[in-house]
Amino acid sequence: MKSKKEYKPILVFYLSRPLDSKSFNEIKEATGYNVISICTDTNERVEIISVDKATVVEDVRKYLKDQLIKSNNNGTI
């Protein structure tokens, strides 16, 4: 049987200076997202990108559904 791969959206931070490792880890832990930081000279922003080429809305729905299933399997809501 094929095992289900855990799904996590990716947060991409475009910042004028890199995130320090403490901030990077705090964001990753608080959101459950994979986090990437890219230095840029232009406008700073944060994007959620798709792992499986779905739209951002579908990505967020899929992630939330996976988290709900995971919570229900642990006996918590």
N, C-alpha and C. Protein backbone atom coordinates (compact mmCIF):
# COMPACT_ATOMS: atom_id res chain seq x y z
N MET A 1 0.84 -1.18 0.00
CA MET A 1 0.00 0.00 0.00
C MET A 1 0.89 1.24 0.00
N LYS A 2 0.49 2.24 -0.77
CA LYS A 2 1.24 3.48 -0.88
C LYS A 2 0.96 4.36 0.34
N SER A 3 2.02 4.84 1.01
CA SER A 3 1.82 5.70 2.17
C SER A 3 1.49 7.12 1.74
N LYS A 4 0.63 7.77 2.52
CA LYS A 4 0.23 9.14 2.22
C LYS A 4 1.32 10.09 2.66
N LYS A 5 1.76 10.95 1.75
CA LYS A 5 2.79 11.93 2.06
C LYS A 5 2.15 13.09 2.80
N GLU A 6 2.77 13.53 3.90
CA GLU A 6 2.23 14.66 4.64
C GLU A 6 2.37 15.93 3.81
N TYR A 7 1.32 16.71 3.77
CA TYR A 7 1.29 17.90 2.95
C TYR A 7 1.56 19.14 3.79
N LYS A 8 2.42 20.01 3.32
CA LYS A 8 2.68 21.28 3.99
C LYS A 8 2.85 22.35 2.92
N PRO A 9 2.08 23.45 3.02
CA PRO A 9 2.34 24.57 2.12
C PRO A 9 3.72 25.16 2.42
N ILE A 10 4.21 25.98 1.52
CA ILE A 10 5.51 26.62 1.70
C ILE A 10 5.31 28.12 1.79
N LEU A 11 5.83 28.74 2.84
CA LEU A 11 5.84 30.19 2.98
C LEU A 11 7.16 30.69 2.41
N VAL A 12 7.07 31.64 1.49
CA VAL A 12 8.28 32.24 0.92
C VAL A 12 8.33 33.70 1.35
N PHE A 13 9.37 34.05 2.09
CA PHE A 13 9.57 35.42 2.54
C PHE A 13 10.57 36.09 1.60
N TYR A 14 10.16 37.18 0.97
CA TYR A 14 11.06 38.01 0.16
C TYR A 14 11.39 39.23 1.02
N LEU A 15 12.61 39.27 1.57
CA LEU A 15 13.00 40.30 2.52
C LEU A 15 14.28 40.99 2.10
N SER A 16 14.46 42.24 2.58
CA SER A 16 15.67 42.99 2.25
C SER A 16 16.89 42.44 3.00
N ARG A 17 16.65 41.74 4.10
CA ARG A 17 17.75 41.09 4.82
C ARG A 17 17.27 39.70 5.24
N PRO A 18 18.17 38.75 5.36
CA PRO A 18 17.76 37.38 5.68
C PRO A 18 17.17 37.26 7.09
N LEU A 19 16.28 36.30 7.25
CA LEU A 19 15.76 35.98 8.58
C LEU A 19 16.87 35.36 9.41
N ASP A 20 16.94 35.73 10.69
CA ASP A 20 17.91 35.03 11.54
C ASP A 20 17.34 33.64 11.84
N SER A 21 18.19 32.72 12.21
CA SER A 21 17.77 31.33 12.37
C SER A 21 16.71 31.16 13.46
N LYS A 22 16.74 31.98 14.50
CA LYS A 22 15.73 31.90 15.56
C LYS A 22 14.36 32.27 15.01
N SER A 23 14.27 33.38 14.29
CA SER A 23 12.99 33.80 13.69
C SER A 23 12.50 32.77 12.69
N PHE A 24 13.41 32.28 11.88
CA PHE A 24 13.10 31.27 10.88
C PHE A 24 12.46 30.05 11.53
N ASN A 25 13.09 29.54 12.59
CA ASN A 25 12.58 28.36 13.29
C ASN A 25 11.26 28.64 14.01
N GLU A 26 11.11 29.84 14.58
CA GLU A 26 9.86 30.19 15.26
C GLU A 26 8.69 30.22 14.28
N ILE A 27 8.90 30.80 13.11
CA ILE A 27 7.85 30.85 12.09
C ILE A 27 7.50 29.45 11.63
N LYS A 28 8.50 28.66 11.38
CA LYS A 28 8.30 27.28 10.92
C LYS A 28 7.51 26.48 11.96
N GLU A 29 7.87 26.62 13.21
CA GLU A 29 7.20 25.88 14.28
C GLU A 29 5.77 26.38 14.50
N ALA A 30 5.58 27.70 14.48
CA ALA A 30 4.26 28.27 14.75
C ALA A 30 3.25 27.98 13.64
N THR A 31 3.71 27.95 12.40
CA THR A 31 2.79 27.78 11.28
C THR A 31 2.67 26.34 10.80
N GLY A 32 3.70 25.55 11.02
CA GLY A 32 3.71 24.19 10.49
C GLY A 32 4.07 24.16 9.01
N TYR A 33 4.38 25.32 8.43
CA TYR A 33 4.72 25.42 7.02
C TYR A 33 6.22 25.18 6.84
N ASN A 34 6.60 24.76 5.67
CA ASN A 34 8.00 24.84 5.29
C ASN A 34 8.25 26.31 5.00
N VAL A 35 9.42 26.82 5.33
CA VAL A 35 9.71 28.25 5.20
C VAL A 35 10.97 28.45 4.37
N ILE A 36 10.89 29.40 3.44
CA ILE A 36 12.04 29.77 2.61
C ILE A 36 12.19 31.28 2.71
N SER A 37 13.40 31.77 2.86
CA SER A 37 13.67 33.20 2.90
C SER A 37 14.58 33.56 1.73
N ILE A 38 14.16 34.56 0.95
CA ILE A 38 14.92 35.01 -0.21
C ILE A 38 15.20 36.50 -0.05
N CYS A 39 16.45 36.90 -0.20
CA CYS A 39 16.81 38.32 -0.12
C CYS A 39 16.46 39.02 -1.43
N THR A 40 15.89 40.23 -1.31
CA THR A 40 15.50 40.99 -2.48
C THR A 40 15.70 42.47 -2.23
N ASP A 41 15.98 43.21 -3.30
CA ASP A 41 16.11 44.67 -3.20
C ASP A 41 14.78 45.37 -3.47
N THR A 42 13.81 44.63 -3.98
CA THR A 42 12.51 45.23 -4.31
C THR A 42 11.52 45.04 -3.16
N ASN A 43 10.24 45.08 -3.48
CA ASN A 43 9.22 45.05 -2.42
C ASN A 43 9.26 43.76 -1.60
N GLU A 44 9.20 43.94 -0.27
CA GLU A 44 9.18 42.79 0.63
C GLU A 44 7.76 42.23 0.65
N ARG A 45 7.65 40.91 0.71
CA ARG A 45 6.35 40.27 0.73
C ARG A 45 6.48 38.83 1.21
N VAL A 46 5.34 38.22 1.48
CA VAL A 46 5.28 36.82 1.84
C VAL A 46 4.29 36.15 0.91
N GLU A 47 4.63 34.98 0.40
CA GLU A 47 3.75 34.23 -0.47
C GLU A 47 3.59 32.82 0.06
N ILE A 48 2.41 32.25 -0.18
CA ILE A 48 2.21 30.81 0.06
C ILE A 48 2.26 30.18 -1.32
N ILE A 49 3.15 29.21 -1.50
CA ILE A 49 3.24 28.57 -2.81
C ILE A 49 2.80 27.12 -2.72
N SER A 50 2.47 26.60 -3.88
CA SER A 50 1.91 25.27 -3.98
C SER A 50 3.00 24.23 -4.18
N VAL A 51 2.86 23.12 -3.48
CA VAL A 51 3.77 22.00 -3.68
C VAL A 51 3.31 21.18 -4.86
N ASP A 52 1.98 21.02 -4.99
CA ASP A 52 1.45 20.15 -6.03
C ASP A 52 0.77 20.93 -7.16
N LYS A 53 1.16 22.17 -7.35
CA LYS A 53 0.71 23.04 -8.43
C LYS A 53 -0.78 23.35 -8.40
N ALA A 54 -1.42 23.23 -7.24
CA ALA A 54 -2.80 23.66 -7.07
C ALA A 54 -2.80 25.16 -6.77
N THR A 55 -3.96 25.75 -6.72
CA THR A 55 -4.00 27.18 -6.37
C THR A 55 -3.74 27.33 -4.88
N VAL A 56 -3.43 28.54 -4.46
CA VAL A 56 -3.15 28.80 -3.05
C VAL A 56 -4.36 28.42 -2.20
N VAL A 57 -5.56 28.75 -2.66
CA VAL A 57 -6.77 28.42 -1.91
C VAL A 57 -6.89 26.91 -1.73
N GLU A 58 -6.66 26.16 -2.78
CA GLU A 58 -6.71 24.70 -2.67
C GLU A 58 -5.62 24.19 -1.73
N ASP A 59 -4.45 24.80 -1.78
CA ASP A 59 -3.36 24.40 -0.89
C ASP A 59 -3.74 24.59 0.57
N VAL A 60 -4.31 25.76 0.88
CA VAL A 60 -4.67 26.05 2.26
C VAL A 60 -5.78 25.11 2.72
N ARG A 61 -6.78 24.89 1.86
CA ARG A 61 -7.85 23.95 2.21
C ARG A 61 -7.29 22.55 2.48
N LYS A 62 -6.41 22.09 1.61
CA LYS A 62 -5.83 20.76 1.76
C LYS A 62 -5.03 20.68 3.05
N TYR A 63 -4.26 21.71 3.34
CA TYR A 63 -3.47 21.72 4.57
C TYR A 63 -4.37 21.69 5.80
N LEU A 64 -5.41 22.53 5.82
CA LEU A 64 -6.32 22.57 6.96
C LEU A 64 -7.05 21.24 7.12
N LYS A 65 -7.47 20.64 6.03
CA LYS A 65 -8.13 19.33 6.08
C LYS A 65 -7.18 18.29 6.68
N ASP A 66 -5.94 18.28 6.23
CA ASP A 66 -4.94 17.33 6.77
C ASP A 66 -4.74 17.56 8.27
N GLN A 67 -4.70 18.83 8.69
CA GLN A 67 -4.52 19.12 10.12
C GLN A 67 -5.72 18.67 10.93
N LEU A 68 -6.94 18.85 10.38
CA LEU A 68 -8.15 18.41 11.07
C LEU A 68 -8.16 16.90 11.19
N ILE A 69 -7.82 16.20 10.14
CA ILE A 69 -7.76 14.74 10.18
C ILE A 69 -6.73 14.28 11.21
N LYS A 70 -5.57 14.94 11.20
CA LYS A 70 -4.51 14.59 12.14
C LYS A 70 -4.99 14.83 13.58
N SER A 71 -5.68 15.96 13.84
CA SER A 71 -6.20 16.27 15.17
C SER A 71 -7.23 15.25 15.59
N ASN A 72 -8.14 14.91 14.69
CA ASN A 72 -9.20 13.95 15.03
C ASN A 72 -8.61 12.57 15.30
N ASN A 73 -7.56 12.20 14.61
CA ASN A 73 -6.92 10.91 14.85
C ASN A 73 -6.20 10.87 16.20
N ASN A 74 -5.83 12.04 16.71
CA ASN A 74 -5.18 12.11 18.02
C ASN A 74 -6.19 12.28 19.14
N GLY A 75 -7.49 12.34 18.79
CA GLY A 75 -8.54 12.48 19.81
C GLY A 75 -8.74 13.90 20.28
N THR A 76 -8.18 14.88 19.55
CA THR A 76 -8.38 16.29 19.93
C THR A 76 -9.00 17.03 18.76
N ILE A 77 -9.53 18.19 19.05
CA ILE A 77 -10.12 19.02 17.99
C ILE A 77 -9.36 20.31 17.89
